[in-house]
Protein backbone atom coordinates (compact mmCIF):
# COMPACT_ATOMS: atom_id res chain seq x y z
CA UNK A 1 -16.19 4.29 16.18
CA UNK A 2 -19.27 5.38 14.24
CA UNK A 3 -17.40 5.81 11.00
CA UNK A 4 -16.01 2.06 11.41
CA UNK A 5 -19.61 0.68 12.25
CA UNK A 6 -21.06 2.46 9.10
CA UNK A 7 -18.16 1.06 6.98
CA UNK A 8 -18.76 -2.67 8.44
CA UNK A 9 -22.82 -2.35 7.76
CA UNK A 10 -22.15 -0.97 4.29
CA UNK A 11 -19.74 -3.78 3.37
CA UNK A 12 -21.61 -6.49 5.01
CA UNK A 13 -23.72 -7.62 1.81
CA UNK A 14 -20.39 -7.59 -0.26
CA UNK A 15 -18.84 -9.59 2.24
CA UNK A 16 -21.65 -12.10 2.43
CA UNK A 17 -21.75 -12.29 -1.49
CA UNK A 18 -17.86 -12.50 -2.20
CA UNK A 19 -16.20 -13.73 1.00
CA UNK A 20 -17.27 -17.41 0.51
CA UNK A 21 -15.21 -17.46 -2.73
CA UNK A 22 -12.32 -15.92 -0.89
CA UNK A 23 -12.48 -18.55 1.85
CA UNK A 24 -12.69 -21.24 -0.78
CA UNK A 25 -9.52 -19.92 -2.52
CA UNK A 26 -7.60 -19.21 0.72
CA UNK A 27 -8.33 -22.80 1.88
CA UNK A 28 -6.53 -24.30 -0.81
CA UNK A 29 -4.43 -21.69 -2.56
CA UNK A 30 -2.22 -24.19 -4.24
CA UNK A 31 -5.16 -25.17 -6.54
CA UNK A 32 -5.29 -21.52 -8.03
CA UNK A 33 -2.74 -19.39 -9.97
CA UNK A 34 -1.38 -16.20 -8.52
CA UNK A 35 -3.24 -13.99 -10.96
CA UNK A 36 -6.77 -15.69 -10.07
CA UNK A 37 -5.94 -15.49 -6.22
CA UNK A 38 -5.10 -11.63 -6.63
CA UNK A 39 -8.07 -10.71 -8.82
CA UNK A 40 -10.48 -12.29 -6.44
CA UNK A 41 -9.17 -10.30 -3.42
CA UNK A 42 -8.71 -7.16 -5.57
CA UNK A 43 -12.26 -7.37 -6.82
CA UNK A 44 -13.35 -7.74 -3.19
CA UNK A 45 -11.53 -4.52 -1.99
CA UNK A 46 -12.59 -2.41 -5.06
CA UNK A 47 -16.23 -3.18 -4.31
CA UNK A 48 -15.74 -2.47 -0.37
CA UNK A 49 -14.19 0.78 -1.83
CA UNK A 50 -17.22 1.62 -3.95
CA UNK A 51 -19.94 0.92 -1.20
CA UNK A 52 -18.15 1.93 1.93
CA UNK A 53 -14.83 3.80 1.75
CA UNK A 54 -15.38 6.26 -1.21
CA UNK A 55 -11.69 6.71 -1.87
CA UNK A 56 -11.05 8.41 -5.30
CA UNK A 57 -7.56 7.40 -6.47
CA UNK A 58 -5.44 9.90 -8.47
CA UNK A 59 -2.57 8.08 -10.11
CA UNK A 60 0.56 9.87 -11.75
CA UNK A 61 3.29 8.49 -13.99
CA UNK A 62 1.92 4.99 -14.57
CA UNK A 63 4.51 4.76 -17.36
CA UNK A 64 7.10 4.30 -14.67
CA UNK A 65 5.82 0.90 -13.84
CA UNK A 66 7.78 -1.72 -15.40
CA UNK A 67 6.22 -4.50 -17.34
CA UNK A 68 8.35 -7.06 -15.53
CA UNK A 69 8.48 -8.28 -11.97
CA UNK A 70 9.69 -5.55 -9.78
CA UNK A 71 9.58 -4.25 -6.11
CA UNK A 72 7.71 -1.12 -5.33
CA UNK A 73 9.04 0.79 -2.07
CA UNK A 74 6.42 3.19 -0.95
CA UNK A 75 6.14 5.60 2.15
CA UNK A 76 3.66 4.33 4.69
CA UNK A 77 0.92 6.50 6.46
CA UNK A 78 -1.90 4.01 7.33
CA UNK A 79 -3.55 0.81 6.86
CA UNK A 80 -5.15 2.34 3.90
CA UNK A 81 -1.93 2.12 1.82
CA UNK A 82 -2.39 -1.82 0.91
CA UNK A 83 -6.26 -1.02 0.20
CA UNK A 84 -4.97 1.79 -2.45
CA UNK A 85 -2.40 -0.55 -4.12
CA UNK A 86 -5.10 -3.27 -4.18
CA UNK A 87 -7.49 -0.89 -5.84
CA UNK A 88 -5.21 0.54 -8.51
CA UNK A 89 -2.78 -2.44 -9.36
CA UNK A 90 -4.34 -4.79 -12.12
CA UNK A 91 -1.24 -7.11 -11.73
CA UNK A 92 -0.55 -9.44 -9.06
CA UNK A 93 1.16 -7.87 -6.06
CA UNK A 94 1.78 -8.97 -2.31
CA UNK A 95 2.99 -7.04 0.69
CA UNK A 96 5.76 -7.34 3.07
CA UNK A 97 3.81 -6.41 6.34
CA UNK A 98 4.39 -6.24 9.95
CA UNK A 99 3.06 -9.11 12.43
CA UNK A 100 0.14 -7.09 13.93
CA UNK A 101 -1.68 -7.21 10.47
CA UNK A 102 -1.98 -11.09 10.57
CA UNK A 103 -4.17 -10.55 13.56
CA UNK A 104 -6.80 -8.98 11.59
CA UNK A 105 -9.09 -11.93 10.18
CA UNK A 106 -10.04 -10.73 6.89
CA UNK A 107 -7.09 -8.76 6.30
CA UNK A 108 -4.67 -11.77 7.07
CA UNK A 109 -6.90 -14.04 4.81
CA UNK A 110 -6.60 -11.83 1.87
CA UNK A 111 -2.87 -10.82 2.57
CA UNK A 112 -1.79 -14.59 2.81
CA UNK A 113 -4.01 -15.64 -0.32
CA UNK A 114 -1.96 -13.01 -2.43
CA UNK A 115 1.33 -14.28 -1.20
CA UNK A 116 2.20 -11.33 1.44
CA UNK A 117 4.61 -12.30 4.21
CA UNK A 118 4.87 -10.88 7.62
CA UNK A 119 7.86 -9.77 9.69
CA UNK A 120 8.85 -9.03 13.32
CA UNK A 121 10.72 -6.08 12.99
CA UNK A 122 12.28 -6.58 16.37
CA UNK A 123 13.48 -10.17 15.53
CA UNK A 124 16.43 -10.23 13.19
CA UNK A 125 16.07 -13.82 12.48
CA UNK A 126 12.63 -13.27 11.50
CA UNK A 127 13.57 -10.93 8.89
CA UNK A 128 16.25 -13.12 7.40
CA UNK A 129 13.73 -15.87 7.08
CA UNK A 130 10.91 -13.90 5.60
CA UNK A 131 13.33 -12.18 3.11
CA UNK A 132 14.11 -15.86 1.97
CA UNK A 133 10.28 -16.85 1.99
CA UNK A 134 9.82 -13.60 -0.36
CA UNK A 135 12.75 -14.70 -2.48
CA UNK A 136 10.98 -18.06 -3.24
CA UNK A 137 7.78 -16.45 -3.68
CA UNK A 138 9.05 -14.29 -6.40
CA UNK A 139 10.91 -17.17 -7.91
CA UNK A 140 7.87 -19.31 -7.87
CA UNK A 141 5.52 -16.61 -9.47
CA UNK A 142 7.23 -14.43 -12.18
CA UNK A 143 4.10 -12.40 -12.60
CA UNK A 144 4.19 -11.57 -8.95
CA UNK A 145 5.60 -8.14 -7.73
CA UNK A 146 6.14 -7.10 -3.95
CA UNK A 147 5.13 -3.77 -2.27
CA UNK A 148 7.45 -2.67 0.54
CA UNK A 149 7.20 0.00 3.08
CA UNK A 150 10.87 0.60 3.90
CA UNK A 151 10.23 3.16 6.94
CA UNK A 152 8.88 -0.15 8.80
CA UNK A 153 6.38 2.12 10.61
CA UNK A 154 3.82 4.82 9.64
CA UNK A 155 4.64 8.40 9.27
CA UNK A 156 2.19 10.97 10.89
CA UNK A 157 0.08 13.59 9.47
CA UNK A 158 -0.26 16.48 8.47
CA UNK A 159 3.16 16.68 7.35
CA UNK A 160 4.10 13.18 7.02
CA UNK A 161 7.76 13.36 7.83
CA UNK A 162 9.47 10.50 6.27
CA UNK A 163 11.12 8.12 8.57
CA UNK A 164 14.46 6.71 7.64
CA UNK A 165 14.43 3.89 5.13
CA UNK A 166 15.88 0.40 6.26
CA UNK A 167 18.55 -0.08 3.86
CA UNK A 168 18.15 -3.97 4.27
CA UNK A 169 14.73 -3.93 2.90
CA UNK A 170 16.15 -3.15 -0.53
CA UNK A 171 18.09 -6.34 -0.80
CA UNK A 172 14.55 -7.95 -1.64
CA UNK A 173 15.06 -6.27 -4.97
CA UNK A 174 19.01 -6.17 -5.44
CA UNK A 175 19.29 -9.88 -4.63
CA UNK A 176 17.12 -10.83 -7.66
CA UNK A 177 18.16 -8.06 -9.83
CA UNK A 178 14.71 -6.48 -9.97
CA UNK A 179 13.64 -3.09 -10.81
CA UNK A 180 13.07 -0.90 -7.81
CA UNK A 181 10.22 1.52 -8.18
CA UNK A 182 9.54 4.34 -5.58
CA UNK A 183 6.04 5.20 -4.70
CA UNK A 184 4.60 8.25 -3.11
CA UNK A 185 1.37 7.86 -1.43
CA UNK A 186 -0.53 10.97 0.16
CA UNK A 187 -3.45 10.91 2.55
CA UNK A 188 -4.41 7.37 2.71
CA UNK A 189 -5.27 7.62 6.29
CA UNK A 190 -8.19 9.74 5.67
CA UNK A 191 -9.88 6.43 4.43
CA UNK A 192 -9.76 4.91 7.89
CA UNK A 193 -9.37 7.76 10.46
CA UNK A 194 -12.73 8.22 12.15
CA UNK A 195 -12.55 11.75 12.49
CA UNK A 196 -12.51 12.55 8.66
CA UNK A 197 -15.98 12.45 7.22
CA UNK A 198 -15.81 13.45 3.70
CA UNK A 199 -18.15 12.19 0.89
CA UNK A 200 -15.15 11.09 -1.08
CA UNK A 201 -11.57 10.83 0.08
CA UNK A 202 -8.93 11.82 -2.56
CA UNK A 203 -5.95 9.58 -2.37
CA UNK A 204 -2.79 10.47 -4.54
CA UNK A 205 -0.28 8.01 -5.91
CA UNK A 206 2.85 8.56 -7.86
CA UNK A 207 5.04 5.98 -9.31
CA UNK A 208 8.47 7.77 -9.63
CA UNK A 209 11.35 6.90 -12.12
CA UNK A 210 12.72 3.45 -11.38
CA UNK A 211 16.06 2.18 -10.62
CA UNK A 212 16.90 -0.80 -12.87
CA UNK A 213 19.84 -3.10 -11.98
CA UNK A 214 22.01 -1.38 -14.46
CA UNK A 215 21.49 1.98 -12.36
CA UNK A 216 22.01 0.47 -9.14
CA UNK A 217 24.74 -2.21 -9.68
CA UNK A 218 27.46 0.08 -8.30
CA UNK A 219 25.35 1.60 -5.46
CA UNK A 220 25.10 0.37 -1.75
CA UNK A 221 21.97 -0.58 -0.17
CA UNK A 222 22.19 2.64 1.93
CA UNK A 223 22.68 4.56 -1.27
CA UNK A 224 19.39 3.03 -2.80
CA UNK A 225 17.48 3.79 0.37
CA UNK A 226 18.73 7.41 0.22
CA UNK A 227 17.77 7.88 -3.42
CA UNK A 228 14.20 6.49 -3.04
CA UNK A 229 13.78 8.55 0.31
CA UNK A 230 14.79 11.80 -1.33
CA UNK A 231 12.64 10.91 -4.61
CA UNK A 232 9.55 10.10 -2.29
CA UNK A 233 10.07 13.14 -0.05
CA UNK A 234 10.31 15.50 -2.92
CA UNK A 235 7.01 13.99 -4.75
CA UNK A 236 5.01 14.31 -1.51
CA UNK A 237 5.62 17.86 -1.24
CA UNK A 238 4.13 18.29 -4.91
CA UNK A 239 1.04 15.89 -4.11
CA UNK A 240 0.48 18.33 -0.77
CA UNK A 241 0.13 21.17 -3.15
CA UNK A 242 -2.65 19.43 -5.16
CA UNK A 243 -4.59 18.10 -2.08
CA UNK A 244 -6.75 21.01 -1.10
CA UNK A 245 -8.07 21.56 -4.57
CA UNK A 246 -8.84 17.88 -4.92
CA UNK A 247 -10.76 17.76 -1.45
CA UNK A 248 -12.82 20.80 -2.19
CA UNK A 249 -13.58 19.66 -5.59
CA UNK A 250 -14.74 16.14 -4.64
CA UNK A 251 -16.73 17.27 -1.75
CA UNK A 252 -18.14 20.67 -2.83
CA UNK A 253 -16.60 22.42 0.59
CA UNK A 254 -16.72 26.11 1.08
CA UNK A 255 -13.07 27.70 1.63
CA UNK A 256 -14.14 27.98 5.22
CA UNK A 257 -15.04 24.40 5.79
CA UNK A 258 -12.08 23.33 3.81
CA UNK A 259 -9.88 25.03 6.13
CA UNK A 260 -11.59 23.24 9.01
CA UNK A 261 -11.39 19.67 7.97
CA UNK A 262 -8.42 19.60 5.51
CA UNK A 263 -5.84 18.44 8.07
CA UNK A 264 -6.94 17.14 11.45
CA UNK A 265 -4.23 16.20 14.15
CA UNK A 266 -3.26 12.81 14.73
CA UNK A 267 -4.34 11.43 17.93
CA UNK A 268 -1.48 10.08 20.50
CA UNK A 269 -0.62 6.49 19.97
């Protein structure tokens, strides 16, 4: 709780300065193009990261990001995942998120402003409706790409064993013949987990080889899901190998302290 209080106190000046503009845009999003909406929300989160979160982002293989509209499929470890994407992406993106995210006031405002959609994983009708809304959003905004977390829930530290990917989530891309970009995120949860108290939090992001329509035209949704699952799983193993060195270098920890604070157990849900 102390960590969250510090975050809020450090972020207050930024929120006071920038949030009124966010509210103005959010109240009438139709008056602003998608890039303007995204840049306003992205700048807010970048500034909050600078003054409060102190995450350092290490990005691999940016050349794998298609220049055109696409769908990013990423593993999901924490609410720090969208924060990470919004800090590193200079192009408009939106998220497919669970309904509980919509209960967070500031987060809800930012998410809706950039075109994100909320889903009830337990309601099939809700899923169909939301996928239709995403299709319309992508059609209306050719600059916009979506980020989807196909596990549907968060994997747990310290090994972050991937849950199975929901094959249906890949239809968001295949129905519009969009490139599919697997993304591996490692240790975003340190940003928000209150028992980590680093000076700086290294977060690694890898954009893996994309699947283009010509690559997946003869693949089933299940086969696409398995391809992305295996690609992300293998990359997470590589990112974990680099993690200790990054934590130690950014924070100046001794070997003894590093071993003590590197991977803390996840509290019971």
